[in-house]
Protein backbone atom coordinates (compact mmCIF):
# COMPACT_ATOMS: atom_id res chain seq x y z
CA MET A 1 8.14 -18.61 10.91
CA THR A 2 6.94 -16.41 13.77
CA LYS A 3 7.84 -12.71 13.84
CA GLN A 4 7.01 -9.90 16.23
CA LEU A 5 5.42 -6.62 15.22
CA ARG A 6 7.46 -4.26 17.39
CA THR A 7 6.54 -0.84 15.98
CA ILE A 8 3.82 0.64 13.85
CA GLY A 9 4.42 3.73 11.72
CA ALA A 10 2.12 6.24 13.38
CA VAL A 11 1.60 8.41 10.30
CA SER A 12 0.88 5.48 7.99
CA CYS A 13 -1.54 4.06 10.55
CA ALA A 14 -3.25 7.47 10.75
CA LYS A 15 -3.59 7.62 6.95
CA VAL A 16 -5.13 4.16 6.72
CA ALA A 17 -7.49 4.88 9.62
CA ALA A 18 -8.52 8.19 8.01
CA VAL A 19 -9.48 6.47 4.76
CA LEU A 20 -11.32 3.65 6.52
CA TYR A 21 -13.25 5.99 8.80
CA GLY A 22 -13.95 8.32 5.86
CA VAL A 23 -15.65 5.44 4.03
CA VAL A 24 -17.66 4.61 7.16
CA GLY A 25 -18.64 8.29 7.45
CA LEU A 26 -19.77 8.28 3.83
CA ILE A 27 -21.99 5.25 4.42
CA ILE A 28 -23.48 6.71 7.61
CA GLY A 29 -23.92 10.10 5.89
CA ALA A 30 -25.79 8.40 3.04
CA VAL A 31 -28.15 6.68 5.47
CA ILE A 32 -28.81 9.92 7.35
CA SER A 33 -29.29 11.75 4.07
CA LEU A 34 -31.85 9.22 2.86
CA ALA A 35 -33.74 9.43 6.15
CA SER A 36 -33.76 13.23 5.95
CA LEU A 37 -34.97 13.22 2.36
CA LEU A 38 -37.71 10.75 3.26
CA GLY A 39 -38.88 13.25 5.86
CA VAL A 40 -38.94 16.02 3.25
CA PHE A 41 -40.95 13.84 0.87
CA ALA A 42 -43.36 12.85 3.64
CA GLN A 43 -43.92 16.51 4.40
CA ASN A 44 -44.49 17.37 0.74
CA PHE A 45 -47.15 14.68 0.38
CA GLY A 46 -49.02 15.79 3.50
CA ALA A 47 -48.03 13.00 5.88
CA VAL A 48 -46.37 15.51 8.21
CA PRO A 49 -47.81 18.96 9.06
CA ASP A 50 -46.20 21.70 6.98
CA GLN A 51 -43.88 24.15 8.73
CA PRO A 52 -42.25 27.03 6.87
CA GLY A 53 -38.63 26.43 5.89
CA SER A 54 -38.49 22.85 7.12
CA ALA A 55 -38.21 21.38 3.61
CA LEU A 56 -35.18 23.56 2.87
CA PHE A 57 -33.66 22.59 6.22
CA GLY A 58 -34.18 18.90 5.44
CA VAL A 59 -32.49 19.17 2.05
CA LEU A 60 -29.56 21.16 3.48
CA PHE A 61 -29.24 18.66 6.33
CA SER A 62 -29.10 15.74 3.91
CA VAL A 63 -26.44 17.41 1.74
CA GLY A 64 -24.48 18.36 4.86
CA ALA A 65 -24.56 14.76 6.07
CA ILE A 66 -23.04 13.52 2.80
CA VAL A 67 -20.33 16.21 2.81
CA LEU A 68 -19.48 16.78 6.46
CA LEU A 69 -19.72 13.32 8.04
CA PRO A 70 -16.97 11.71 5.91
CA VAL A 71 -14.66 14.63 6.66
CA ILE A 72 -15.38 14.57 10.39
CA TYR A 73 -15.06 10.77 10.58
CA ALA A 74 -11.79 10.85 8.59
CA CYS A 75 -10.28 13.50 10.89
CA MET A 76 -11.32 11.63 14.01
CA GLY A 77 -10.05 8.34 12.53
CA ALA A 78 -6.68 9.89 11.72
CA ILE A 79 -6.32 11.30 15.22
CA GLY A 80 -7.41 7.99 16.77
CA GLY A 81 -5.05 5.99 14.54
CA LEU A 82 -2.15 8.28 15.41
CA ILE A 83 -2.82 7.97 19.14
CA MET A 84 -3.35 4.20 19.06
CA ALA A 85 -0.18 3.60 17.02
CA GLY A 86 1.79 5.64 19.55
CA VAL A 87 0.26 3.75 22.46
CA TYR A 88 0.95 0.42 20.73
CA ASN A 89 4.59 1.38 20.21
CA LEU A 90 4.96 2.22 23.91
CA VAL A 91 3.27 -0.98 25.06
CA ALA A 92 5.13 -3.18 22.56
CA ARG A 93 8.42 -1.78 23.85
CA THR A 94 7.68 -2.96 27.39
CA VAL A 95 5.64 -6.14 26.88
CA GLY A 96 6.67 -7.22 23.41
CA GLY A 97 4.88 -6.94 20.12
CA ILE A 98 2.12 -8.97 18.54
CA GLU A 99 3.38 -12.30 17.22
CA LEU A 100 2.66 -12.97 13.55
CA GLU A 101 3.16 -16.21 11.70
CA ILE A 102 4.46 -15.48 8.21
CA GLU A 103 4.67 -18.23 5.61
């Protein structure tokens, strides 16, 4: 049986997008945090010339990446999901919705 998806709940789409993008932000934040901590360790073992305060900056940057990136990604995902659901609803009204085959 084929059905048409005519409208998408904008708020529910925004919530799902916020969670998905928050998870992506957490993964990217973890990668950035690891790279930053590797730089701090390289500096502590003499591979990089020592500069005052740079180790503290590296540690704060890595913690900030883990905390801030998921929040920023989730907010941007929610806004993007809200906008795209609204645009889909407008387009689906004029052209028709996506056809789904449900068994």
